[in-house]
């Protein structure tokens, strides 16, 4: 099996970017801050313009294109700002309601694992942030100009009204984009395509010609390949429990190279770490400090697609299982999930799996990481779907077609697990089918199931 290089591209400030991506707080709060700051600047700018107009009456400031509307409609502009302020509150309620409905629908009909797609939606966050910005901006502008409404020489909202109209136009455009994006996210085929594309990007980023950030290369290979496990004493997990979401490979390679160690990460990315379970095995010297190891691992409450190779298949298998439940009984959706599952299995078919060996600049192995193996990926992709859909000829025929394709495309040393799944499928069909003719029909390969 050829060796490939493992890449861990996390960019600048990866943890901060990840928290911002998974949080619904940053963009809305930023919108509130921008609205407050803009209102302050605009009110002072209009007051400055009003003072200039009062001091130099021979200068016709209303002739400027960006001031003409406010100058012609002084009181009407204030009324328009008040109307925009009240309308934004309604828009915020609509966006919040649609978002809750979308989340409930996704959790109930697709899988709780796909809720992260809705939480990470940039369109939803930008729309809500813009609405909050517009609401706070117009509310404060209305208050500032309304306080001088009784004065005979009140300030005319030249810039305030113009910017409010600009915010209104931007909000309307974003609202249309938001509705379009949310409707797409309510379609299961779009969600499955999104999951599939994310997984394919991760697979491409996990194998290819590249150099590690620490100056060395990381190699992947099936279990038992080239470099043996380092062995050594085990280092237990002593921090809070959580899902292992990401590993900072360059940091661990540098840490092991500094002390001349070889680290073997025992759990896989996506495992739930319980305190006092084995975390690392260390060879070549005493284990590094717990704080140094903790800084290189990122834990969370759920699995993510950042480095978890098997998570995409897990999500698609969950969607297929939910579609095959008696309450839903939608084998066509399960077939569509199997289409995407086959895409991912085909991408994995020729990729070295099992272990990843990360080297330092001198070429010495410093970190051994456990990856899902080919048989494990097949089990994850097909076992539950086969068990839940064994009574549907549409599912069994689609699985048979998938196994035919995988057996043709997979390297010779990876065909035995595919044949094992074919034997399990035939055994289950013959056990449940009422007659040999029904069993033969259910086992006939068909990429559309039945059609």
Foldseek 3Di string as FASTA:
>chain_A
DDKFFFEQDQDPPNVVVVCVLQDLPPLQVVLLVLLVVVLVVLLVVLVVVLVVCVVCVVDDPCVDPLQVVLVVCQPVLLVVLVVLLVVLVVVLVVLVVLLVVLLVLCVQQANNLLSSVSSSDPLSSNLSSLSSSLNNNSVSNSVSQVVCPPPPSGGGSRVSSSVSVVSVVVNVVSVVVSVVVSVLSSDLLSSLVVLLVLLVVLLVNGGDDDAYPQQHTKIFAAPPPDDDDQAADFDWAADAKFAFADFQVNLQQVVQVVQVKAKEQDDAHGDIHDGGHTGIHIHDDDDDDPVSRVVGTDGDHGYDSSNANLVSLLSLLSRLLSCLDPVNVHNQSNLSSLVSLLVSLLSCQPHGFAWMFIHHNVRDTRYIYGGDDSLRSVCSNPVSNCVSCLVALLSLQQLLQSLVVSCVRHPPVNNVSSVVVLVVSLVSNVVPDPDVVSSVSSNHHDSSSVD
